[in-house]
Amino acid sequence: MRADQVEASWDPGHNNWLLRICVGEEVIRRHCSAPKDADQQVLKSIAQQTLQDEGYEPEPGEFKILPR
């Protein structure tokens, strides 16, 4: 199964990154402990691992990093 979209955004309340995995109308939220200045490649790698851990294909339909 493939996720439609993955969004990464900095969560200042938890002081870490929040990944939103969208599959149809379902949204799965997972926090990750990458540094605030992590680049796109690091965040995409973490997103791919998280997708695999959740049972999805490692490549989402779309990957976005929202402004900090």
Protein backbone atom coordinates (compact mmCIF):
# COMPACT_ATOMS: atom_id res chain seq x y z
CA MET A 1 0.00 0.00 0.00
CA ARG A 2 1.27 3.45 -0.84
CA ALA A 3 0.76 6.71 1.10
CA ASP A 4 -0.71 9.54 -0.95
CA GLN A 5 1.34 12.22 0.74
CA VAL A 6 3.81 12.81 3.57
CA GLU A 7 4.25 16.24 5.12
CA ALA A 8 7.03 17.16 7.53
CA SER A 9 6.70 20.23 9.72
CA TRP A 10 8.54 21.54 12.75
CA ASP A 11 6.43 21.24 15.91
CA PRO A 12 7.60 23.97 18.31
CA GLY A 13 5.41 22.60 21.11
CA HIS A 14 7.24 19.27 21.12
CA ASN A 15 10.50 20.70 19.77
CA ASN A 16 10.78 18.04 17.05
CA TRP A 17 9.56 17.19 13.56
CA LEU A 18 6.01 15.96 12.94
CA LEU A 19 5.34 13.66 9.99
CA ARG A 20 1.79 13.52 8.65
CA ILE A 21 1.19 10.43 6.53
CA CYS A 22 -1.96 10.80 4.41
CA VAL A 23 -3.67 7.74 2.96
CA GLY A 24 -7.03 8.69 1.53
CA GLU A 25 -8.87 10.47 4.35
CA GLU A 26 -6.76 8.82 7.06
CA VAL A 27 -3.90 10.81 8.59
CA ILE A 28 -1.21 9.17 10.72
CA ARG A 29 0.97 11.50 12.80
CA ARG A 30 4.43 10.53 14.01
CA HIS A 31 7.06 12.64 15.74
CA CYS A 32 10.75 12.20 14.96
CA SER A 33 13.81 13.55 16.71
CA ALA A 34 15.77 14.95 13.76
CA PRO A 35 17.48 18.29 14.48
CA LYS A 36 15.57 21.46 13.60
CA ASP A 37 18.08 22.29 10.85
CA ALA A 38 17.75 18.86 9.17
CA ASP A 39 17.82 19.07 5.39
CA GLN A 40 15.31 17.62 2.95
CA GLN A 41 17.33 14.44 2.35
CA VAL A 42 17.48 13.59 6.07
CA LEU A 43 13.76 14.21 6.54
CA LYS A 44 12.88 12.19 3.45
CA SER A 45 14.99 9.29 4.71
CA ILE A 46 13.24 9.40 8.10
CA ALA A 47 9.86 9.57 6.35
CA GLN A 48 10.72 6.52 4.22
CA GLN A 49 11.73 4.53 7.31
CA THR A 50 8.56 5.60 9.12
CA LEU A 51 6.44 4.54 6.14
CA GLN A 52 8.07 1.12 6.15
CA ASP A 53 7.57 0.81 9.92
CA GLU A 54 3.86 1.57 9.40
CA GLY A 55 3.55 -1.04 6.63
CA TYR A 56 3.53 1.28 3.59
CA GLU A 57 5.75 1.43 0.52
CA PRO A 58 8.80 3.64 1.24
CA GLU A 59 8.04 6.13 -1.56
CA PRO A 60 4.99 8.35 -0.96
CA GLY A 61 3.02 9.90 -3.82
CA GLU A 62 4.21 13.33 -2.66
CA PHE A 63 6.65 14.55 0.00
CA LYS A 64 6.46 18.10 1.36
CA ILE A 65 8.39 20.02 3.96
CA LEU A 66 6.28 22.82 5.37
CA PRO A 67 7.95 26.11 6.37
CA ARG A 68 9.33 26.27 9.91
